[in-house]
Protein backbone atom coordinates (compact mmCIF):
# COMPACT_ATOMS: atom_id res chain seq x y z
CA MET A 1 -4.43 -31.12 22.08
CA THR A 2 -6.41 -27.94 22.67
CA ALA A 3 -9.69 -27.31 20.90
CA LEU A 4 -9.90 -23.91 19.26
CA ALA A 5 -12.98 -22.95 21.28
CA GLU A 6 -11.08 -23.52 24.53
CA LEU A 7 -8.40 -20.93 23.80
CA ASP A 8 -8.48 -17.48 25.40
CA LEU A 9 -7.30 -15.57 22.35
CA PRO A 10 -6.73 -11.86 21.82
CA PHE A 11 -9.38 -10.24 19.61
CA LEU A 12 -8.36 -8.00 16.72
CA GLU A 13 -10.95 -5.48 15.48
CA MET A 14 -9.37 -5.26 12.04
CA GLU A 15 -12.41 -3.62 10.48
CA ARG A 16 -12.03 -0.44 12.55
CA PRO A 17 -10.43 2.48 10.61
CA GLU A 18 -7.88 3.14 13.36
CA PHE A 19 -6.58 -0.42 13.04
CA GLY A 20 -5.22 0.35 9.57
CA VAL A 21 -3.34 3.40 10.89
CA ASP A 22 -1.08 1.28 13.11
CA PRO A 23 -1.77 -2.46 12.86
CA LEU A 24 1.68 -3.29 14.28
CA LYS A 25 0.67 -1.90 17.67
CA HIS A 26 -2.39 -4.14 17.76
CA PHE A 27 -0.44 -7.21 16.68
CA ALA A 28 2.21 -6.54 19.33
CA GLU A 29 -0.52 -6.44 21.97
CA ALA A 30 -2.01 -9.66 20.58
CA ARG A 31 1.40 -11.35 20.61
CA ALA A 32 1.73 -10.65 24.31
CA LYS A 33 -1.38 -12.76 24.94
CA HIS A 34 -0.80 -15.51 22.37
CA PRO A 35 2.41 -15.89 20.35
CA TRP A 36 0.94 -16.70 16.96
CA LEU A 37 -2.87 -16.72 16.89
CA ALA A 38 -5.70 -14.22 17.39
CA ALA A 39 -9.45 -14.08 16.79
CA SER A 40 -11.32 -11.53 14.67
CA ASN A 41 -14.71 -10.95 13.08
CA TYR A 42 -13.26 -12.37 9.84
CA GLY A 43 -11.84 -15.59 11.26
CA TYR A 44 -8.69 -16.63 13.07
CA VAL A 45 -5.55 -14.62 12.41
CA VAL A 46 -2.16 -16.32 12.09
CA HIS A 47 0.33 -13.50 12.64
CA GLU A 48 3.68 -15.09 13.51
CA PHE A 49 6.26 -15.44 10.72
CA THR A 50 7.16 -19.06 11.55
CA ALA A 51 3.53 -20.15 11.92
CA ILE A 52 2.71 -18.61 8.53
CA ARG A 53 5.62 -20.46 6.90
CA ASP A 54 4.58 -23.73 8.55
CA LEU A 55 0.84 -23.62 7.96
CA PHE A 56 0.21 -21.76 4.72
CA PRO A 57 1.93 -24.24 2.33
CA GLN A 58 -0.27 -27.13 3.53
CA ASP A 59 -2.32 -27.10 0.34
CA ASP A 60 -3.70 -30.57 1.00
CA LYS A 61 -5.39 -29.25 4.15
CA LEU A 62 -6.25 -25.67 3.18
CA HIS A 63 -8.08 -24.10 0.24
CA PRO A 64 -8.77 -20.54 -0.95
CA PRO A 65 -12.02 -19.02 0.38
CA TYR A 66 -13.17 -17.26 -2.78
CA ALA A 67 -16.16 -19.49 -3.48
CA ALA A 68 -17.38 -18.81 0.06
CA VAL A 69 -16.91 -15.07 -0.43
CA VAL A 70 -18.97 -15.22 -3.63
CA GLU A 71 -21.72 -17.06 -1.78
CA MET A 72 -21.61 -14.57 1.09
CA PHE A 73 -21.90 -11.65 -1.35
CA GLY A 74 -24.74 -13.38 -3.21
CA THR A 75 -22.86 -12.92 -6.49
CA LYS A 76 -22.76 -16.47 -7.82
CA GLY A 77 -23.27 -16.44 -11.59
CA THR A 78 -22.49 -12.72 -11.91
CA PRO A 79 -19.41 -11.45 -13.82
CA TRP A 80 -17.45 -10.66 -10.63
CA GLY A 81 -18.62 -13.87 -8.97
CA ARG A 82 -17.59 -15.96 -11.99
CA PHE A 83 -14.13 -14.41 -12.18
CA THR A 84 -13.52 -14.66 -8.44
CA SER A 85 -14.53 -18.34 -8.43
CA GLU A 86 -12.61 -19.25 -11.60
CA GLN A 87 -9.38 -17.23 -11.41
CA MET A 88 -6.30 -19.43 -11.32
CA ILE A 89 -5.84 -19.31 -7.55
CA SER A 90 -9.41 -20.62 -7.08
CA LEU A 91 -9.29 -23.50 -9.56
CA PRO A 92 -9.43 -27.18 -8.56
CA PRO A 93 -5.93 -28.66 -8.01
CA GLU A 94 -5.54 -30.32 -11.42
CA GLU A 95 -6.64 -27.26 -13.41
CA HIS A 96 -4.46 -25.02 -11.25
CA LYS A 97 -1.49 -27.34 -11.78
CA LEU A 98 -2.00 -27.29 -15.57
CA LEU A 99 -2.04 -23.48 -15.74
CA ARG A 100 0.98 -23.08 -13.48
CA HIS A 101 2.92 -25.77 -15.34
CA THR A 102 2.11 -24.10 -18.65
CA PHE A 103 3.18 -20.59 -17.67
CA ALA A 104 5.62 -20.87 -14.75
CA ALA A 105 8.66 -21.83 -16.82
CA LYS A 106 8.24 -18.71 -18.93
CA PHE A 107 8.17 -16.21 -16.05
CA THR A 108 11.90 -16.17 -15.45
CA PRO A 109 14.28 -13.43 -14.29
CA ARG A 110 15.65 -13.40 -17.84
CA PHE A 111 12.24 -12.61 -19.33
CA ALA A 112 11.61 -9.93 -16.71
CA ASN A 113 14.94 -8.34 -17.64
CA GLN A 114 13.87 -8.21 -21.28
CA LEU A 115 10.92 -6.04 -20.21
CA ARG A 116 13.07 -3.51 -18.33
CA PRO A 117 13.52 -1.05 -21.25
CA ALA A 118 9.74 -0.71 -21.52
CA MET A 119 9.47 -0.25 -17.75
CA ARG A 120 12.13 2.48 -17.81
CA ALA A 121 10.36 4.26 -20.65
CA THR A 122 7.09 4.15 -18.70
CA ILE A 123 8.45 5.59 -15.44
CA GLU A 124 10.42 8.29 -17.27
CA ARG A 125 7.29 9.31 -19.20
CA LEU A 126 5.28 9.52 -15.99
CA LEU A 127 7.98 11.57 -14.30
CA ASP A 128 7.99 13.97 -17.26
CA GLU A 129 4.21 14.34 -16.94
CA HIS A 130 3.84 14.57 -13.16
CA ALA A 131 7.08 15.60 -11.46
CA GLY A 132 7.62 19.13 -12.78
CA THR A 133 5.97 21.09 -9.95
CA GLY A 134 8.02 19.70 -7.08
CA ARG A 135 4.95 18.65 -5.12
CA MET A 136 2.58 15.68 -5.42
CA ASP A 137 0.61 13.00 -3.66
CA PHE A 138 3.04 10.17 -4.23
CA ALA A 139 0.34 7.51 -3.69
CA GLU A 140 -1.66 8.98 -6.56
CA PHE A 141 1.46 9.19 -8.75
CA ALA A 142 2.43 5.60 -7.94
CA SER A 143 -1.02 4.40 -9.02
CA TRP A 144 -0.29 5.39 -12.63
CA TYR A 145 2.90 3.33 -12.87
CA PRO A 146 1.71 -0.31 -12.75
CA ILE A 147 -1.35 0.30 -14.92
CA SER A 148 0.65 2.28 -17.51
CA ASN A 149 3.34 -0.38 -17.44
CA MET A 150 0.85 -3.20 -17.95
CA PHE A 151 -0.82 -1.39 -20.84
CA ASP A 152 2.57 -0.95 -22.52
CA LEU A 153 3.61 -4.55 -21.82
CA VAL A 154 0.49 -5.96 -23.52
CA GLY A 155 0.09 -3.27 -26.18
CA ALA A 156 -3.31 -2.06 -24.94
CA ASP A 157 -4.81 1.30 -25.94
CA ARG A 158 -3.38 3.95 -23.59
CA ALA A 159 -6.51 6.05 -24.01
CA ARG A 160 -8.29 3.60 -21.70
CA ILE A 161 -5.75 3.73 -18.86
CA ALA A 162 -7.66 6.21 -16.68
CA GLY A 163 -10.91 4.23 -16.75
CA ILE A 164 -9.25 0.88 -16.07
CA ARG A 165 -7.21 2.45 -13.27
CA ASP A 166 -10.46 3.47 -11.58
CA ASP A 167 -11.82 -0.03 -12.06
CA LEU A 168 -8.72 -1.54 -10.47
CA GLU A 169 -9.06 0.80 -7.50
CA THR A 170 -12.59 -0.51 -7.03
CA LEU A 171 -11.57 -4.16 -7.31
CA GLY A 172 -8.81 -3.61 -4.78
CA LEU A 173 -11.48 -2.90 -2.18
CA ALA A 174 -13.37 -6.16 -2.80
CA PHE A 175 -11.97 -8.03 0.17
CA SER A 176 -12.86 -5.33 2.61
CA LEU A 177 -16.10 -7.36 2.34
CA ASP A 178 -18.40 -4.36 1.92
CA LYS A 179 -21.56 -5.48 0.10
CA ALA A 180 -22.28 -1.89 -0.96
CA LEU A 181 -19.40 -2.28 -3.44
CA ILE A 182 -21.08 -5.08 -5.41
CA PRO A 183 -22.55 -2.95 -8.26
CA ALA A 184 -19.22 -1.18 -8.78
CA LEU A 185 -17.34 -4.50 -8.68
CA GLN A 186 -19.59 -5.88 -11.43
CA THR A 187 -19.04 -2.85 -13.66
CA ALA A 188 -15.29 -2.89 -13.09
CA ILE A 189 -14.79 -6.58 -13.88
CA VAL A 190 -16.90 -6.35 -17.06
CA GLN A 191 -14.83 -3.43 -18.34
CA ILE A 192 -11.50 -5.11 -17.61
CA ASP A 193 -12.74 -8.35 -19.19
CA ALA A 194 -13.70 -6.44 -22.35
CA LEU A 195 -10.35 -4.64 -22.53
CA VAL A 196 -8.31 -7.84 -22.18
CA ALA A 197 -10.44 -9.82 -24.65
CA GLU A 198 -10.24 -7.03 -27.23
CA THR A 199 -6.46 -6.69 -26.78
CA ILE A 200 -5.95 -10.42 -27.32
CA GLU A 201 -8.22 -10.41 -30.37
CA GLU A 202 -6.39 -7.45 -31.91
CA ARG A 203 -3.01 -9.12 -31.36
CA ARG A 204 -4.14 -12.37 -32.96
CA ALA A 205 -5.59 -10.47 -35.94
CA ASP A 206 -2.44 -8.39 -36.54
CA PRO A 207 0.47 -10.35 -38.02
CA ASN A 208 2.90 -7.56 -37.17
CA GLY A 209 1.55 -7.20 -33.65
CA SER A 210 1.95 -10.91 -33.05
CA GLU A 211 5.69 -10.55 -33.62
CA LYS A 212 6.12 -8.15 -30.69
CA GLN A 213 8.25 -9.68 -27.97
CA ASP A 214 6.21 -8.38 -25.06
CA LEU A 215 4.24 -9.90 -22.21
CA LEU A 216 1.12 -10.41 -24.33
CA THR A 217 3.04 -12.36 -26.97
CA LEU A 218 4.49 -14.60 -24.27
CA LEU A 219 1.08 -15.27 -22.76
CA VAL A 220 -0.75 -15.87 -26.06
CA ASP A 221 1.96 -18.13 -27.50
CA THR A 222 2.32 -20.08 -24.26
CA ALA A 223 -1.46 -20.53 -24.00
CA ASP A 224 -1.61 -21.85 -27.56
CA GLN A 225 1.23 -24.29 -26.95
CA GLY A 226 -0.32 -25.50 -23.72
CA ARG A 227 -3.85 -25.71 -25.14
CA ILE A 228 -5.17 -23.16 -22.66
CA ASN A 229 -8.61 -21.97 -23.73
CA ALA A 230 -9.56 -18.35 -24.44
CA ARG A 231 -11.50 -17.92 -21.20
CA GLN A 232 -8.58 -19.10 -19.06
CA LEU A 233 -6.10 -16.91 -20.94
CA THR A 234 -8.31 -13.84 -20.54
CA ASP A 235 -8.80 -14.54 -16.84
CA LEU A 236 -5.05 -14.97 -16.34
CA ILE A 237 -4.27 -11.59 -17.92
CA MET A 238 -7.10 -9.98 -15.94
CA PHE A 239 -5.56 -11.44 -12.79
CA PHE A 240 -2.18 -9.92 -13.70
CA PHE A 241 -3.85 -6.53 -14.07
CA ILE A 242 -5.70 -6.80 -10.76
CA ALA A 243 -2.97 -8.39 -8.63
CA GLY A 244 -0.13 -6.40 -10.16
CA TYR A 245 -1.85 -3.03 -9.74
CA ASP A 246 -2.51 -2.92 -6.00
CA THR A 247 0.69 -4.67 -4.98
CA THR A 248 3.03 -2.53 -7.06
CA LYS A 249 1.47 0.85 -6.29
CA ASN A 250 1.15 0.11 -2.57
CA VAL A 251 4.67 -1.30 -2.20
CA LEU A 252 6.15 1.58 -4.20
CA THR A 253 4.27 4.12 -2.06
CA TYR A 254 5.30 2.47 1.19
CA THR A 255 8.90 2.24 0.01
CA MET A 256 8.94 6.00 -0.55
CA TYR A 257 7.39 6.47 2.91
CA GLU A 258 10.30 4.53 4.43
CA LEU A 259 12.93 6.25 2.30
CA LEU A 260 11.77 9.67 3.50
CA LYS A 261 13.21 8.61 6.88
CA TYR A 262 16.55 7.52 5.36
CA PRO A 263 17.90 10.24 3.02
CA GLU A 264 21.26 8.51 2.71
CA ILE A 265 19.61 5.35 1.37
CA TYR A 266 17.45 7.39 -1.00
CA ALA A 267 20.49 9.27 -2.34
CA ARG A 268 22.30 6.00 -2.97
CA CYS A 269 19.30 4.71 -4.96
CA ALA A 270 19.89 7.50 -7.49
CA GLU A 271 23.50 6.46 -8.03
CA ASP A 272 23.43 2.67 -7.65
CA HIS A 273 20.92 0.78 -9.79
CA ALA A 274 21.93 -2.61 -8.37
CA TYR A 275 21.46 -1.35 -4.80
CA CYS A 276 17.83 -0.56 -5.63
CA ALA A 277 17.20 -4.32 -5.86
CA ASP A 278 18.30 -4.67 -2.21
CA VAL A 279 16.02 -1.76 -1.29
CA VAL A 280 13.11 -3.56 -2.96
CA GLU A 281 13.74 -6.76 -1.02
CA GLU A 282 13.91 -4.88 2.27
CA ALA A 283 10.76 -2.95 1.40
CA LEU A 284 8.96 -6.23 0.70
CA ARG A 285 10.08 -7.52 4.09
CA VAL A 286 8.71 -4.56 6.05
CA PHE A 287 5.56 -4.20 3.97
CA ASN A 288 3.33 -5.81 1.41
CA PRO A 289 -0.39 -5.14 1.09
CA GLY A 290 -1.78 -8.64 1.37
CA SER A 291 -3.29 -10.67 4.17
CA VAL A 292 -4.23 -13.98 2.57
CA ALA A 293 -7.16 -16.12 3.68
CA ARG A 294 -7.53 -19.88 3.61
CA VAL A 295 -10.18 -22.32 4.83
CA THR A 296 -9.34 -25.65 6.47
CA SER A 297 -10.43 -28.57 4.28
CA GLU A 298 -10.08 -31.02 7.17
CA GLU A 299 -9.06 -30.99 10.82
CA VAL A 300 -5.66 -29.34 11.20
CA THR A 301 -3.46 -29.47 14.29
CA TYR A 302 -0.54 -27.11 14.82
CA ARG A 303 1.41 -26.64 18.05
CA ASP A 304 -1.25 -28.57 19.94
CA VAL A 305 -4.06 -26.32 18.65
CA THR A 306 -6.73 -28.11 16.62
CA PHE A 307 -8.68 -26.27 13.92
CA PRO A 308 -11.90 -27.99 12.80
CA PRO A 309 -12.86 -28.23 9.12
CA ASP A 310 -14.22 -25.04 7.51
CA THR A 311 -12.25 -22.74 9.82
CA MET A 312 -11.31 -19.42 8.20
CA LEU A 313 -7.65 -18.49 8.71
CA TYR A 314 -6.10 -15.13 7.83
CA PHE A 315 -2.35 -15.19 7.22
CA THR A 316 -0.86 -11.74 7.76
CA PHE A 317 1.84 -11.78 5.10
CA ASN A 318 1.83 -7.98 5.18
CA ILE A 319 3.26 -7.65 8.70
CA SER A 320 5.07 -11.01 8.93
CA GLY A 321 8.44 -9.41 8.17
CA ARG A 322 8.13 -7.26 11.31
CA ASP A 323 8.05 -10.28 13.62
CA PRO A 324 10.70 -9.52 16.29
CA ASP A 325 11.24 -13.22 16.93
CA ALA A 326 12.18 -13.84 13.29
CA PHE A 327 14.11 -10.67 12.38
CA VAL A 328 16.77 -8.86 14.37
CA ASP A 329 15.85 -5.19 14.86
CA ALA A 330 12.77 -5.86 12.73
CA GLU A 331 11.61 -2.23 12.64
CA ARG A 332 14.87 -0.94 11.16
CA PHE A 333 14.85 -0.43 7.37
CA ASP A 334 18.20 -1.85 6.28
CA PRO A 335 18.78 -2.97 2.67
CA ASP A 336 22.19 -4.35 3.72
CA ARG A 337 20.82 -6.73 6.34
CA GLU A 338 21.80 -10.37 6.02
CA ILE A 339 18.83 -12.71 5.62
CA ASP A 340 19.31 -16.45 5.92
CA ARG A 341 17.32 -18.97 3.91
CA ASP A 342 14.77 -19.56 6.68
CA HIS A 343 14.04 -15.87 7.16
CA ARG A 344 13.29 -14.56 3.70
CA HIS A 345 10.21 -12.42 3.30
CA VAL A 346 7.02 -14.10 2.08
CA ALA A 347 5.65 -11.16 0.08
CA PHE A 348 5.12 -13.33 -3.02
CA GLY A 349 3.52 -16.24 -1.20
CA LEU A 350 4.58 -19.78 -0.40
CA GLY A 351 4.23 -23.21 -1.95
CA LYS A 352 2.29 -23.77 -5.16
CA HIS A 353 0.71 -20.32 -4.92
CA MET A 354 3.97 -18.41 -5.29
CA CYS A 355 3.33 -15.36 -7.47
CA LEU A 356 4.06 -16.05 -11.15
CA GLY A 357 4.83 -12.40 -11.75
CA GLN A 358 7.31 -11.93 -8.90
CA TYR A 359 10.31 -11.26 -11.14
CA ILE A 360 8.36 -8.74 -13.21
CA ALA A 361 7.19 -7.06 -9.99
CA ARG A 362 10.74 -6.86 -8.65
CA ALA A 363 12.00 -5.39 -11.93
CA GLN A 364 9.20 -2.80 -12.02
CA LEU A 365 9.94 -1.65 -8.48
CA GLN A 366 13.70 -1.51 -8.99
CA GLU A 367 13.40 0.55 -12.17
CA ALA A 368 10.90 2.92 -10.57
CA ILE A 369 12.92 3.55 -7.41
CA HIS A 370 16.11 4.25 -9.37
CA ALA A 371 14.41 6.68 -11.76
CA ILE A 372 12.43 8.44 -9.02
CA ALA A 373 15.52 8.96 -6.86
CA ARG A 374 17.33 10.52 -9.83
CA ARG A 375 14.45 12.82 -10.75
CA MET A 376 13.05 13.78 -7.32
CA LYS A 377 15.79 15.17 -5.07
CA GLN A 378 15.48 15.94 -1.35
CA PRO A 379 11.97 14.54 -0.85
CA ARG A 380 10.15 15.47 2.35
CA LEU A 381 6.68 14.92 3.78
CA ASP A 382 4.33 17.78 2.88
CA GLY A 383 1.03 17.07 4.61
CA GLU A 384 -0.87 14.41 6.54
CA ILE A 385 -0.90 10.83 5.34
CA VAL A 386 -4.06 8.70 5.17
CA TRP A 387 -4.13 4.90 5.54
CA ARG A 388 -6.35 2.40 3.76
CA PRO A 389 -8.45 -0.07 5.80
CA TYR A 390 -6.46 -3.07 6.99
CA PRO A 391 -8.66 -5.89 5.61
CA GLY A 392 -8.19 -6.12 1.86
CA SER A 393 -5.40 -4.24 0.13
CA TRP A 394 -3.79 -2.31 2.98
CA GLY A 395 -1.36 0.57 2.57
CA LEU A 396 -1.09 4.33 2.27
CA LYS A 397 -4.02 6.03 0.58
CA THR A 398 -2.18 9.36 0.44
CA LEU A 399 1.46 10.38 0.78
CA PRO A 400 1.80 14.14 0.14
CA PHE A 401 5.39 15.20 -0.31
CA ALA A 402 7.58 17.87 -1.84
CA PHE A 403 10.91 17.57 -3.65
CA GLU A 404 13.38 19.29 -5.94
CA PRO A 405 12.57 18.25 -9.53
CA VAL A 406 15.34 17.28 -11.97
CA ALA A 407 14.71 17.22 -15.71
CA GLY A 408 15.11 13.89 -17.51
């Protein structure tokens, strides 16, 4: 066995702005020195696809780091600190198991399909509002889709979309670990908490509203049946807002970035709705915004490397699908590629922390790509792109492009 301190590991300066511009180059250089592990200022980085699949699901030996982050930020007992420490992913095993058991059976592909008409209405409305000029920052446009969709799916007041969108942008920066963000994080979480609590209260008070077959009805009814308290229900819906916003807008933006290189694939998306599902899966392989952290609860040994307790590990889900040892021609964007069971992307997590909303996310992306390809013809890059920092919610901050608009 080799002690962690004895390893001569590559060092990744992930906090540097240039790292976010091309992280794949840095990971390729790291891979040449060690096949699956690197060091960083944030902890140890597990960057190989197989190592991520092997290590991450070991929930008995690893735990989420959010309590430690709250302590580091000095935000224990504050609104953001409370939510970060008590959101479902952070709960003790038995409480986490209860919440997942209560809700998981309801989040089926069938239920996601029932929400598709609302998703289609949302993306068509946004295209009507934003796509008439033939030029836009697609990243900014994409940011309106998940938040508008969520508001419609829970029946929240659309007049508050812009403010909550700004709050979600702020919260998406939380795990860049910048303490200067703390005041803004507190304001943002308080405002989202108030919106969700008010929306639930209004639904419970309105007999007609309670008959709506939308996402909010599912969550409220399921919580009541499973005896989930009001605080846990509110936190769960807040988590859907926060997690669903960054992931959807960033994946949708990156998908467009890839499709600009493949006009034949883009054109097919306009004609073939089912094909858009394959495009989504390939997009999730080549990109997703998350690198997920865990802390070792005990000594962990993997491939003769021993990690002591309380070691911070970063699992790079976001670039795992580009691993050349796991995927043939990994850089090629190919929705028709054959993927065997052991080489499926891990964009929605692994083990007991698999994303509850994965089928809703897939449906949202499929509906958006199909509608966008029909309404925005011949897209092309129309300016310089800007990347977000790599730690936290990585992706394209701007994607300026031009296109030929088509009326709905």
